[in-house]
Amino acid sequence: MTPNIQPRNLLVALAFLAILCSGVGAWDMDVKKHYLQELGEYAVQAYNLASLHDHEHQLTFEKVIAYDHLSDIDHKLAIQAADHGVTHTYEAVVCDKPWIQVKKLVSFKLA
C-alpha cells in the first residue's frame, strides 16, 4: 500500500526544508566571517608584538578583505590595517591549530 501524500502537504514540507537549510547556511557564513576576522586581528597583534621595538609602525586592525585556505591549518589573509591613520593592505599567513589552542603568524607583509 502506498502512502497518499497531498500536494499541499508536500509543498509545505519542501518550504520548511528550504527555510531550515537557508538558516543553517547563513549561520555558517557568520561563524566563518567571525573566525576570519579573529585570525586577522591576531595577525596584526602578533606583527605588532614582533616589531615592538619599532614604535613608529604599530598597526591598527580594520578588517579581513579576502582569504584563502592553504591547508586545514594555514590561512592566507588580505588584511586592511591602519598605520598612523593611513590604511594599507597586508598579506598574512596564519597557522591555526584550535584543538591545541595554538596560533602562529607565519608571514606578514605589505601587499
PDB file of N, CA and C in Angstrom:
ATOM      1  N   MET A   1       0.843  -1.167   0.000  1.00  0.00           N
ATOM      2  CA  MET A   1       0.000   0.000   0.000  1.00  0.00           C
ATOM      3  C   MET A   1       0.898   1.244   0.000  1.00  0.00           C
ATOM      4  N   THR A   2       0.685   2.147  -0.918  1.00  0.00           N
ATOM      5  CA  THR A   2       1.487   3.375  -0.996  1.00  0.00           C
ATOM      6  C   THR A   2       0.814   4.488  -0.218  1.00  0.00           C
ATOM      7  N   PRO A   3       1.626   5.341   0.445  1.00  0.00           N
ATOM      8  CA  PRO A   3       1.019   6.434   1.208  1.00  0.00           C
ATOM      9  C   PRO A   3       0.419   7.475   0.271  1.00  0.00           C
ATOM     10  N   ASN A   4      -0.654   8.082   0.721  1.00  0.00           N
ATOM     11  CA  ASN A   4      -1.332   9.118  -0.060  1.00  0.00           C
ATOM     12  C   ASN A   4      -0.851  10.483   0.437  1.00  0.00           C
ATOM     13  N   ILE A   5       0.062  11.107  -0.325  1.00  0.00           N
ATOM     14  CA  ILE A   5       0.622  12.399   0.067  1.00  0.00           C
ATOM     15  C   ILE A   5      -0.078  13.495  -0.723  1.00  0.00           C
ATOM     16  N   GLN A   6      -0.634  14.423  -0.008  1.00  0.00           N
ATOM     17  CA  GLN A   6      -1.322  15.539  -0.635  1.00  0.00           C
ATOM     18  C   GLN A   6      -0.285  16.534  -1.167  1.00  0.00           C
ATOM     19  N   PRO A   7      -0.474  17.081  -2.362  1.00  0.00           N
ATOM     20  CA  PRO A   7       0.474  18.049  -2.929  1.00  0.00           C
ATOM     21  C   PRO A   7       0.708  19.252  -2.009  1.00  0.00           C
ATOM     22  N   ARG A   8      -0.350  19.698  -1.328  1.00  0.00           N
ATOM     23  CA  ARG A   8      -0.222  20.846  -0.418  1.00  0.00           C
ATOM     24  C   ARG A   8       0.731  20.515   0.729  1.00  0.00           C
ATOM     25  N   ASN A   9       0.620  19.322   1.292  1.00  0.00           N
ATOM     26  CA  ASN A   9       1.497  18.901   2.381  1.00  0.00           C
ATOM     27  C   ASN A   9       2.941  18.800   1.905  1.00  0.00           C
ATOM     28  N   LEU A  10       3.127  18.318   0.690  1.00  0.00           N
ATOM     29  CA  LEU A  10       4.464  18.201   0.116  1.00  0.00           C
ATOM     30  C   LEU A  10       5.089  19.585  -0.064  1.00  0.00           C
ATOM     31  N   LEU A  11       4.315  20.548  -0.541  1.00  0.00           N
ATOM     32  CA  LEU A  11       4.804  21.924  -0.711  1.00  0.00           C
ATOM     33  C   LEU A  11       5.174  22.552   0.632  1.00  0.00           C
ATOM     34  N   VAL A  12       4.376  22.328   1.637  1.00  0.00           N
ATOM     35  CA  VAL A  12       4.661  22.858   2.967  1.00  0.00           C
ATOM     36  C   VAL A  12       5.954  22.247   3.508  1.00  0.00           C
ATOM     37  N   ALA A  13       6.117  20.961   3.338  1.00  0.00           N
ATOM     38  CA  ALA A  13       7.328  20.284   3.810  1.00  0.00           C
ATOM     39  C   ALA A  13       8.563  20.797   3.069  1.00  0.00           C
ATOM     40  N   LEU A  14       8.468  20.975   1.758  1.00  0.00           N
ATOM     41  CA  LEU A  14       9.593  21.490   0.977  1.00  0.00           C
ATOM     42  C   LEU A  14       9.939  22.929   1.366  1.00  0.00           C
ATOM     43  N   ALA A  15       8.930  23.754   1.601  1.00  0.00           N
ATOM     44  CA  ALA A  15       9.167  25.138   2.019  1.00  0.00           C
ATOM     45  C   ALA A  15       9.860  25.161   3.381  1.00  0.00           C
ATOM     46  N   PHE A  16       9.415  24.332   4.297  1.00  0.00           N
ATOM     47  CA  PHE A  16      10.038  24.251   5.621  1.00  0.00           C
ATOM     48  C   PHE A  16      11.494  23.816   5.517  1.00  0.00           C
ATOM     49  N   LEU A  17      11.751  22.833   4.677  1.00  0.00           N
ATOM     50  CA  LEU A  17      13.108  22.341   4.475  1.00  0.00           C
ATOM     51  C   LEU A  17      14.003  23.427   3.874  1.00  0.00           C
ATOM     52  N   ALA A  18      13.491  24.187   2.926  1.00  0.00           N
ATOM     53  CA  ALA A  18      14.254  25.276   2.300  1.00  0.00           C
ATOM     54  C   ALA A  18      14.596  26.350   3.325  1.00  0.00           C
ATOM     55  N   ILE A  19      13.652  26.707   4.172  1.00  0.00           N
ATOM     56  CA  ILE A  19      13.903  27.713   5.213  1.00  0.00           C
ATOM     57  C   ILE A  19      14.939  27.204   6.201  1.00  0.00           C
ATOM     58  N   LEU A  20      14.824  25.955   6.592  1.00  0.00           N
ATOM     59  CA  LEU A  20      15.769  25.362   7.538  1.00  0.00           C
ATOM     60  C   LEU A  20      17.177  25.361   6.965  1.00  0.00           C
ATOM     61  N   CYS A  21      17.322  24.961   5.716  1.00  0.00           N
ATOM     62  CA  CYS A  21      18.648  24.905   5.085  1.00  0.00           C
ATOM     63  C   CYS A  21      19.239  26.288   4.888  1.00  0.00           C
ATOM     64  N   SER A  22      18.435  27.259   4.518  1.00  0.00           N
ATOM     65  CA  SER A  22      18.961  28.612   4.309  1.00  0.00           C
ATOM     66  C   SER A  22      19.423  29.218   5.628  1.00  0.00           C
ATOM     67  N   GLY A  23      18.768  28.927   6.713  1.00  0.00           N
ATOM     68  CA  GLY A  23      19.182  29.431   8.024  1.00  0.00           C
ATOM     69  C   GLY A  23      20.506  28.845   8.455  1.00  0.00           C
ATOM     70  N   VAL A  24      20.724  27.581   8.204  1.00  0.00           N
ATOM     71  CA  VAL A  24      21.980  26.923   8.568  1.00  0.00           C
ATOM     72  C   VAL A  24      23.120  27.515   7.768  1.00  0.00           C
ATOM     73  N   GLY A  25      22.918  27.749   6.485  1.00  0.00           N
ATOM     74  CA  GLY A  25      23.950  28.341   5.645  1.00  0.00           C
ATOM     75  C   GLY A  25      24.339  29.739   6.103  1.00  0.00           C
ATOM     76  N   ALA A  26      23.364  30.552   6.469  1.00  0.00           N
ATOM     77  CA  ALA A  26      23.632  31.914   6.932  1.00  0.00           C
ATOM     78  C   ALA A  26      24.402  31.876   8.248  1.00  0.00           C
ATOM     79  N   TRP A  27      24.026  30.985   9.138  1.00  0.00           N
ATOM     80  CA  TRP A  27      24.729  30.873  10.417  1.00  0.00           C
ATOM     81  C   TRP A  27      26.168  30.450  10.185  1.00  0.00           C
ATOM     82  N   ASP A  28      26.370  29.497   9.291  1.00  0.00           N
ATOM     83  CA  ASP A  28      27.710  29.009   8.967  1.00  0.00           C
ATOM     84  C   ASP A  28      28.574  30.137   8.414  1.00  0.00           C
ATOM     85  N   MET A  29      28.011  30.992   7.555  1.00  0.00           N
ATOM     86  CA  MET A  29      28.759  32.112   6.989  1.00  0.00           C
ATOM     87  C   MET A  29      29.134  33.125   8.072  1.00  0.00           C
ATOM     88  N   ASP A  30      28.241  33.366   9.032  1.00  0.00           N
ATOM     89  CA  ASP A  30      28.541  34.289  10.125  1.00  0.00           C
ATOM     90  C   ASP A  30      29.688  33.765  10.978  1.00  0.00           C
ATOM     91  N   VAL A  31      29.688  32.484  11.268  1.00  0.00           N
ATOM     92  CA  VAL A  31      30.751  31.865  12.065  1.00  0.00           C
ATOM     93  C   VAL A  31      32.073  31.966  11.319  1.00  0.00           C
ATOM     94  N   LYS A  32      32.065  31.663  10.036  1.00  0.00           N
ATOM     95  CA  LYS A  32      33.278  31.722   9.223  1.00  0.00           C
ATOM     96  C   LYS A  32      33.809  33.155   9.174  1.00  0.00           C
ATOM     97  N   LYS A  33      32.928  34.125   8.969  1.00  0.00           N
ATOM     98  CA  LYS A  33      33.336  35.532   8.908  1.00  0.00           C
ATOM     99  C   LYS A  33      33.952  35.961  10.237  1.00  0.00           C
ATOM    100  N   HIS A  34      33.324  35.605  11.328  1.00  0.00           N
ATOM    101  CA  HIS A  34      33.827  35.948  12.661  1.00  0.00           C
ATOM    102  C   HIS A  34      35.200  35.311  12.897  1.00  0.00           C
ATOM    103  N   TYR A  35      35.358  34.050  12.516  1.00  0.00           N
ATOM    104  CA  TYR A  35      36.626  33.329  12.680  1.00  0.00           C
ATOM    105  C   TYR A  35      37.740  34.018  11.887  1.00  0.00           C
ATOM    106  N   LEU A  36      37.455  34.402  10.635  1.00  0.00           N
ATOM    107  CA  LEU A  36      38.473  35.057   9.809  1.00  0.00           C
ATOM    108  C   LEU A  36      38.843  36.432  10.354  1.00  0.00           C
ATOM    109  N   GLN A  37      37.875  37.167  10.879  1.00  0.00           N
ATOM    110  CA  GLN A  37      38.178  38.469  11.474  1.00  0.00           C
ATOM    111  C   GLN A  37      39.063  38.286  12.720  1.00  0.00           C
ATOM    112  N   GLU A  38      38.793  37.244  13.507  1.00  0.00           N
ATOM    113  CA  GLU A  38      39.641  36.947  14.672  1.00  0.00           C
ATOM    114  C   GLU A  38      41.065  36.611  14.241  1.00  0.00           C
ATOM    115  N   LEU A  39      41.212  35.820  13.164  1.00  0.00           N
ATOM    116  CA  LEU A  39      42.544  35.488  12.664  1.00  0.00           C
ATOM    117  C   LEU A  39      43.271  36.745  12.188  1.00  0.00           C
ATOM    118  N   GLY A  40      42.564  37.627  11.505  1.00  0.00           N
ATOM    119  CA  GLY A  40      43.165  38.879  11.040  1.00  0.00           C
ATOM    120  C   GLY A  40      43.609  39.758  12.188  1.00  0.00           C
ATOM    121  N   GLU A  41      42.770  39.854  13.200  1.00  0.00           N
ATOM    122  CA  GLU A  41      43.117  40.645  14.383  1.00  0.00           C
ATOM    123  C   GLU A  41      44.341  40.051  15.086  1.00  0.00           C
ATOM    124  N   TYR A  42      44.371  38.715  15.182  1.00  0.00           N
ATOM    125  CA  TYR A  42      45.527  38.043  15.773  1.00  0.00           C
ATOM    126  C   TYR A  42      46.798  38.358  14.974  1.00  0.00           C
ATOM    127  N   ALA A  43      46.718  38.305  13.638  1.00  0.00           N
ATOM    128  CA  ALA A  43      47.887  38.537  12.787  1.00  0.00           C
ATOM    129  C   ALA A  43      48.467  39.931  13.033  1.00  0.00           C
ATOM    130  N   VAL A  44      47.613  40.928  13.122  1.00  0.00           N
ATOM    131  CA  VAL A  44      48.083  42.297  13.363  1.00  0.00           C
ATOM    132  C   VAL A  44      48.696  42.413  14.758  1.00  0.00           C
ATOM    133  N   GLN A  45      48.061  41.821  15.754  1.00  0.00           N
ATOM    134  CA  GLN A  45      48.609  41.855  17.117  1.00  0.00           C
ATOM    135  C   GLN A  45      49.960  41.150  17.180  1.00  0.00           C
ATOM    136  N   ALA A  46      50.077  40.007  16.516  1.00  0.00           N
ATOM    137  CA  ALA A  46      51.346  39.270  16.516  1.00  0.00           C
ATOM    138  C   ALA A  46      52.425  40.067  15.792  1.00  0.00           C
ATOM    139  N   TYR A  47      52.074  40.717  14.699  1.00  0.00           N
ATOM    140  CA  TYR A  47      53.022  41.568  13.979  1.00  0.00           C
ATOM    141  C   TYR A  47      53.490  42.708  14.879  1.00  0.00           C
ATOM    142  N   ASN A  48      52.550  43.370  15.546  1.00  0.00           N
ATOM    143  CA  ASN A  48      52.901  44.477  16.448  1.00  0.00           C
ATOM    144  C   ASN A  48      53.805  44.003  17.577  1.00  0.00           C
ATOM    145  N   LEU A  49      53.523  42.836  18.117  1.00  0.00           N
ATOM    146  CA  LEU A  49      54.338  42.290  19.201  1.00  0.00           C
ATOM    147  C   LEU A  49      55.748  41.971  18.709  1.00  0.00           C
ATOM    148  N   ALA A  50      55.858  41.411  17.513  1.00  0.00           N
ATOM    149  CA  ALA A  50      57.165  41.063  16.953  1.00  0.00           C
ATOM    150  C   ALA A  50      57.979  42.309  16.620  1.00  0.00           C
ATOM    151  N   SER A  51      57.312  43.403  16.297  1.00  0.00           N
ATOM    152  CA  SER A  51      58.019  44.641  15.965  1.00  0.00           C
ATOM    153  C   SER A  51      57.826  45.681  17.060  1.00  0.00           C
ATOM    154  N   LEU A  52      57.834  45.219  18.292  1.00  0.00           N
ATOM    155  CA  LEU A  52      57.597  46.091  19.445  1.00  0.00           C
ATOM    156  C   LEU A  52      58.624  47.209  19.544  1.00  0.00           C
ATOM    157  N   HIS A  53      59.847  46.949  19.108  1.00  0.00           N
ATOM    158  CA  HIS A  53      60.900  47.966  19.162  1.00  0.00           C
ATOM    159  C   HIS A  53      60.645  49.105  18.172  1.00  0.00           C
ATOM    160  N   ASP A  54      59.821  48.856  17.152  1.00  0.00           N
ATOM    161  CA  ASP A  54      59.521  49.864  16.140  1.00  0.00           C
ATOM    162  C   ASP A  54      58.200  50.546  16.501  1.00  0.00           C
ATOM    163  N   HIS A  55      58.275  51.535  17.380  1.00  0.00           N
ATOM    164  CA  HIS A  55      57.064  52.202  17.868  1.00  0.00           C
ATOM    165  C   HIS A  55      56.377  53.027  16.786  1.00  0.00           C
ATOM    166  N   GLU A  56      57.090  53.348  15.717  1.00  0.00           N
ATOM    167  CA  GLU A  56      56.515  54.168  14.656  1.00  0.00           C
ATOM    168  C   GLU A  56      55.565  53.388  13.762  1.00  0.00           C
ATOM    169  N   HIS A  57      55.662  52.079  13.736  1.00  0.00           N
ATOM    170  CA  HIS A  57      54.843  51.291  12.820  1.00  0.00           C
ATOM    171  C   HIS A  57      53.986  50.254  13.540  1.00  0.00           C
ATOM    172  N   GLN A  58      53.284  50.669  14.549  1.00  0.00           N
ATOM    173  CA  GLN A  58      52.315  49.798  15.197  1.00  0.00           C
ATOM    174  C   GLN A  58      50.998  49.935  14.433  1.00  0.00           C
ATOM    175  N   LEU A  59      50.476  48.821  13.952  1.00  0.00           N
ATOM    176  CA  LEU A  59      49.289  48.823  13.105  1.00  0.00           C
ATOM    177  C   LEU A  59      48.009  48.687  13.910  1.00  0.00           C
ATOM    178  N   THR A  60      46.923  49.200  13.345  1.00  0.00           N
ATOM    179  CA  THR A  60      45.597  49.055  13.922  1.00  0.00           C
ATOM    180  C   THR A  60      44.749  48.235  12.960  1.00  0.00           C
ATOM    181  N   PHE A  61      44.281  47.085  13.423  1.00  0.00           N
ATOM    182  CA  PHE A  61      43.474  46.190  12.592  1.00  0.00           C
ATOM    183  C   PHE A  61      42.163  46.868  12.204  1.00  0.00           C
ATOM    184  N   GLU A  62      41.784  46.698  10.928  1.00  0.00           N
ATOM    185  CA  GLU A  62      40.489  47.189  10.467  1.00  0.00           C
ATOM    186  C   GLU A  62      39.578  46.021  10.070  1.00  0.00           C
ATOM    187  N   LYS A  63      40.010  45.228   9.062  1.00  0.00           N
ATOM    188  CA  LYS A  63      39.184  44.085   8.668  1.00  0.00           C
ATOM    189  C   LYS A  63      39.944  43.172   7.716  1.00  0.00           C
ATOM    190  N   VAL A  64      39.445  41.940   7.611  1.00  0.00           N
ATOM    191  CA  VAL A  64      39.942  40.988   6.617  1.00  0.00           C
ATOM    192  C   VAL A  64      39.110  41.210   5.360  1.00  0.00           C
ATOM    193  N   ILE A  65      39.781  41.405   4.230  1.00  0.00           N
ATOM    194  CA  ILE A  65      39.045  41.675   2.989  1.00  0.00           C
ATOM    195  C   ILE A  65      39.041  40.485   2.034  1.00  0.00           C
ATOM    196  N   ALA A  66      39.954  39.535   2.231  1.00  0.00           N
ATOM    197  CA  ALA A  66      39.982  38.324   1.405  1.00  0.00           C
ATOM    198  C   ALA A  66      40.736  37.245   2.164  1.00  0.00           C
ATOM    199  N   TYR A  67      40.484  36.001   1.780  1.00  0.00           N
ATOM    200  CA  TYR A  67      41.179  34.890   2.425  1.00  0.00           C
ATOM    201  C   TYR A  67      41.306  33.724   1.459  1.00  0.00           C
ATOM    202  N   ASP A  68      42.252  32.864   1.787  1.00  0.00           N
ATOM    203  CA  ASP A  68      42.449  31.634   1.031  1.00  0.00           C
ATOM    204  C   ASP A  68      42.935  30.577   2.009  1.00  0.00           C
ATOM    205  N   HIS A  69      42.284  29.436   2.022  1.00  0.00           N
ATOM    206  CA  HIS A  69      42.712  28.346   2.897  1.00  0.00           C
ATOM    207  C   HIS A  69      43.814  27.576   2.182  1.00  0.00           C
ATOM    208  N   LEU A  70      45.028  27.666   2.686  1.00  0.00           N
ATOM    209  CA  LEU A  70      46.153  26.960   2.084  1.00  0.00           C
ATOM    210  C   LEU A  70      46.141  25.490   2.461  1.00  0.00           C
ATOM    211  N   SER A  71      45.669  25.204   3.674  1.00  0.00           N
ATOM    212  CA  SER A  71      45.516  23.832   4.159  1.00  0.00           C
ATOM    213  C   SER A  71      44.503  23.877   5.292  1.00  0.00           C
ATOM    214  N   ASP A  72      44.334  22.777   5.990  1.00  0.00           N
ATOM    215  CA  ASP A  72      43.385  22.760   7.110  1.00  0.00           C
ATOM    216  C   ASP A  72      43.807  23.691   8.233  1.00  0.00           C
ATOM    217  N   ILE A  73      45.110  23.977   8.327  1.00  0.00           N
ATOM    218  CA  ILE A  73      45.589  24.810   9.435  1.00  0.00           C
ATOM    219  C   ILE A  73      46.198  26.138   8.995  1.00  0.00           C
ATOM    220  N   ASP A  74      46.522  26.284   7.714  1.00  0.00           N
ATOM    221  CA  ASP A  74      47.148  27.515   7.230  1.00  0.00           C
ATOM    222  C   ASP A  74      46.152  28.362   6.448  1.00  0.00           C
ATOM    223  N   HIS A  75      46.084  29.642   6.808  1.00  0.00           N
ATOM    224  CA  HIS A  75      45.141  30.575   6.201  1.00  0.00           C
ATOM    225  C   HIS A  75      45.888  31.798   5.700  1.00  0.00           C
ATOM    226  N   LYS A  76      45.688  32.135   4.438  1.00  0.00           N
ATOM    227  CA  LYS A  76      46.290  33.331   3.841  1.00  0.00           C
ATOM    228  C   LYS A  76      45.212  34.418   3.845  1.00  0.00           C
ATOM    229  N   LEU A  77      45.535  35.549   4.463  1.00  0.00           N
ATOM    230  CA  LEU A  77      44.560  36.626   4.632  1.00  0.00           C
ATOM    231  C   LEU A  77      45.048  37.909   3.978  1.00  0.00           C
ATOM    232  N   ALA A  78      44.145  38.646   3.369  1.00  0.00           N
ATOM    233  CA  ALA A  78      44.405  40.017   2.950  1.00  0.00           C
ATOM    234  C   ALA A  78      43.738  40.891   3.999  1.00  0.00           C
ATOM    235  N   ILE A  79      44.536  41.700   4.669  1.00  0.00           N
ATOM    236  CA  ILE A  79      44.071  42.454   5.834  1.00  0.00           C
ATOM    237  C   ILE A  79      44.218  43.947   5.575  1.00  0.00           C
ATOM    238  N   GLN A  80      43.193  44.700   5.943  1.00  0.00           N
ATOM    239  CA  GLN A  80      43.319  46.148   5.947  1.00  0.00           C
ATOM    240  C   GLN A  80      43.674  46.558   7.363  1.00  0.00           C
ATOM    241  N   ALA A  81      44.756  47.325   7.477  1.00  0.00           N
ATOM    242  CA  ALA A  81      45.194  47.821   8.781  1.00  0.00           C
ATOM    243  C   ALA A  81      45.713  49.241   8.586  1.00  0.00           C
ATOM    244  N   ALA A  82      45.573  50.034   9.618  1.00  0.00           N
ATOM    245  CA  ALA A  82      45.990  51.429   9.549  1.00  0.00           C
ATOM    246  C   ALA A  82      47.339  51.614  10.225  1.00  0.00           C
ATOM    247  N   ASP A  83      48.176  52.408   9.578  1.00  0.00           N
ATOM    248  CA  ASP A  83      49.481  52.794  10.114  1.00  0.00           C
ATOM    249  C   ASP A  83      49.432  54.311  10.256  1.00  0.00           C
ATOM    250  N   HIS A  84      49.269  54.787  11.499  1.00  0.00           N
ATOM    251  CA  HIS A  84      49.114  56.217  11.778  1.00  0.00           C
ATOM    252  C   HIS A  84      47.949  56.812  10.993  1.00  0.00           C
ATOM    253  N   GLY A  85      46.832  56.104  10.952  1.00  0.00           N
ATOM    254  CA  GLY A  85      45.631  56.597  10.306  1.00  0.00           C
ATOM    255  C   GLY A  85      45.557  56.368   8.806  1.00  0.00           C
ATOM    256  N   VAL A  86      46.613  55.859   8.202  1.00  0.00           N
ATOM    257  CA  VAL A  86      46.624  55.575   6.765  1.00  0.00           C
ATOM    258  C   VAL A  86      46.415  54.072   6.563  1.00  0.00           C
ATOM    259  N   THR A  87      45.374  53.729   5.821  1.00  0.00           N
ATOM    260  CA  THR A  87      45.037  52.322   5.609  1.00  0.00           C
ATOM    261  C   THR A  87      45.876  51.721   4.489  1.00  0.00           C
ATOM    262  N   HIS A  88      46.416  50.541   4.778  1.00  0.00           N
ATOM    263  CA  HIS A  88      47.176  49.764   3.804  1.00  0.00           C
ATOM    264  C   HIS A  88      46.628  48.340   3.811  1.00  0.00           C
ATOM    265  N   THR A  89      46.944  47.601   2.756  1.00  0.00           N
ATOM    266  CA  THR A  89      46.569  46.193   2.696  1.00  0.00           C
ATOM    267  C   THR A  89      47.816  45.351   2.917  1.00  0.00           C
ATOM    268  N   TYR A  90      47.679  44.375   3.801  1.00  0.00           N
ATOM    269  CA  TYR A  90      48.782  43.480   4.147  1.00  0.00           C
ATOM    270  C   TYR A  90      48.377  42.053   3.821  1.00  0.00           C
ATOM    271  N   GLU A  91      49.364  41.227   3.552  1.00  0.00           N
ATOM    272  CA  GLU A  91      49.137  39.805   3.320  1.00  0.00           C
ATOM    273  C   GLU A  91      49.751  39.044   4.486  1.00  0.00           C
ATOM    274  N   ALA A  92      48.948  38.210   5.121  1.00  0.00           N
ATOM    275  CA  ALA A  92      49.424  37.436   6.269  1.00  0.00           C
ATOM    276  C   ALA A  92      49.087  35.971   6.079  1.00  0.00           C
ATOM    277  N   VAL A  93      49.952  35.115   6.591  1.00  0.00           N
ATOM    278  CA  VAL A  93      49.665  33.688   6.657  1.00  0.00           C
ATOM    279  C   VAL A  93      49.680  33.310   8.132  1.00  0.00           C
ATOM    280  N   VAL A  94      48.582  32.720   8.574  1.00  0.00           N
ATOM    281  CA  VAL A  94      48.430  32.322   9.974  1.00  0.00           C
ATOM    282  C   VAL A  94      48.205  30.818  10.035  1.00  0.00           C
ATOM    283  N   CYS A  95      48.961  30.158  10.888  1.00  0.00           N
ATOM    284  CA  CYS A  95      48.771  28.734  11.158  1.00  0.00           C
ATOM    285  C   CYS A  95      47.920  28.640  12.422  1.00  0.00           C
ATOM    286  N   ASP A  96      46.789  27.959  12.343  1.00  0.00           N
ATOM    287  CA  ASP A  96      45.881  27.856  13.486  1.00  0.00           C
ATOM    288  C   ASP A  96      45.575  26.390  13.764  1.00  0.00           C
ATOM    289  N   LYS A  97      45.851  25.988  14.998  1.00  0.00           N
ATOM    290  CA  LYS A  97      45.533  24.633  15.457  1.00  0.00           C
ATOM    291  C   LYS A  97      44.619  24.769  16.678  1.00  0.00           C
ATOM    292  N   PRO A  98      43.320  24.994  16.438  1.00  0.00           N
ATOM    293  CA  PRO A  98      42.408  25.263  17.553  1.00  0.00           C
ATOM    294  C   PRO A  98      42.260  24.117  18.538  1.00  0.00           C
ATOM    295  N   TRP A  99      42.486  22.876  18.107  1.00  0.00           N
ATOM    296  CA  TRP A  99      42.326  21.736  19.009  1.00  0.00           C
ATOM    297  C   TRP A  99      43.394  21.717  20.094  1.00  0.00           C
ATOM    298  N   ILE A 100      44.516  22.432  19.884  1.00  0.00           N
ATOM    299  CA  ILE A 100      45.531  22.559  20.946  1.00  0.00           C
ATOM    300  C   ILE A 100      45.751  24.028  21.314  1.00  0.00           C
ATOM    301  N   GLN A 101      44.855  24.885  20.843  1.00  0.00           N
ATOM    302  CA  GLN A 101      44.852  26.317  21.147  1.00  0.00           C
ATOM    303  C   GLN A 101      46.192  26.977  20.819  1.00  0.00           C
ATOM    304  N   VAL A 102      46.665  26.768  19.586  1.00  0.00           N
ATOM    305  CA  VAL A 102      47.928  27.348  19.132  1.00  0.00           C
ATOM    306  C   VAL A 102      47.694  28.094  17.828  1.00  0.00           C
ATOM    307  N   LYS A 103      48.162  29.337  17.788  1.00  0.00           N
ATOM    308  CA  LYS A 103      48.169  30.138  16.570  1.00  0.00           C
ATOM    309  C   LYS A 103      49.586  30.643  16.383  1.00  0.00           C
ATOM    310  N   LYS A 104      49.997  30.748  15.115  1.00  0.00           N
ATOM    311  CA  LYS A 104      51.336  31.253  14.828  1.00  0.00           C
ATOM    312  C   LYS A 104      51.275  32.097  13.563  1.00  0.00           C
ATOM    313  N   LEU A 105      51.867  33.279  13.626  1.00  0.00           N
ATOM    314  CA  LEU A 105      51.973  34.129  12.455  1.00  0.00           C
ATOM    315  C   LEU A 105      53.163  33.643  11.643  1.00  0.00           C
ATOM    316  N   VAL A 106      52.908  33.123  10.455  1.00  0.00           N
ATOM    317  CA  VAL A 106      53.953  32.567   9.599  1.00  0.00           C
ATOM    318  C   VAL A 106      54.611  33.680   8.791  1.00  0.00           C
ATOM    319  N   SER A 107      53.810  34.572   8.218  1.00  0.00           N
ATOM    320  CA  SER A 107      54.359  35.704   7.469  1.00  0.00           C
ATOM    321  C   SER A 107      53.387  36.884   7.520  1.00  0.00           C
ATOM    322  N   PHE A 108      53.955  38.070   7.338  1.00  0.00           N
ATOM    323  CA  PHE A 108      53.167  39.300   7.350  1.00  0.00           C
ATOM    324  C   PHE A 108      53.921  40.332   6.532  1.00  0.00           C
ATOM    325  N   LYS A 109      53.298  40.812   5.441  1.00  0.00           N
ATOM    326  CA  LYS A 109      53.990  41.782   4.592  1.00  0.00           C
ATOM    327  C   LYS A 109      52.986  42.708   3.925  1.00  0.00           C
ATOM    328  N   LEU A 110      53.488  43.841   3.475  1.00  0.00           N
ATOM    329  CA  LEU A 110      52.692  44.784   2.727  1.00  0.00           C
ATOM    330  C   LEU A 110      52.318  44.163   1.392  1.00  0.00           C
ATOM    331  N   ALA A 111      51.048  44.220   1.043  1.00  0.00           N
ATOM    332  CA  ALA A 111      50.604  43.584  -0.210  1.00  0.00           C
ATOM    333  C   ALA A 111      50.826  44.496  -1.405  1.00  0.00           C
TER     334      ALA A 111
END
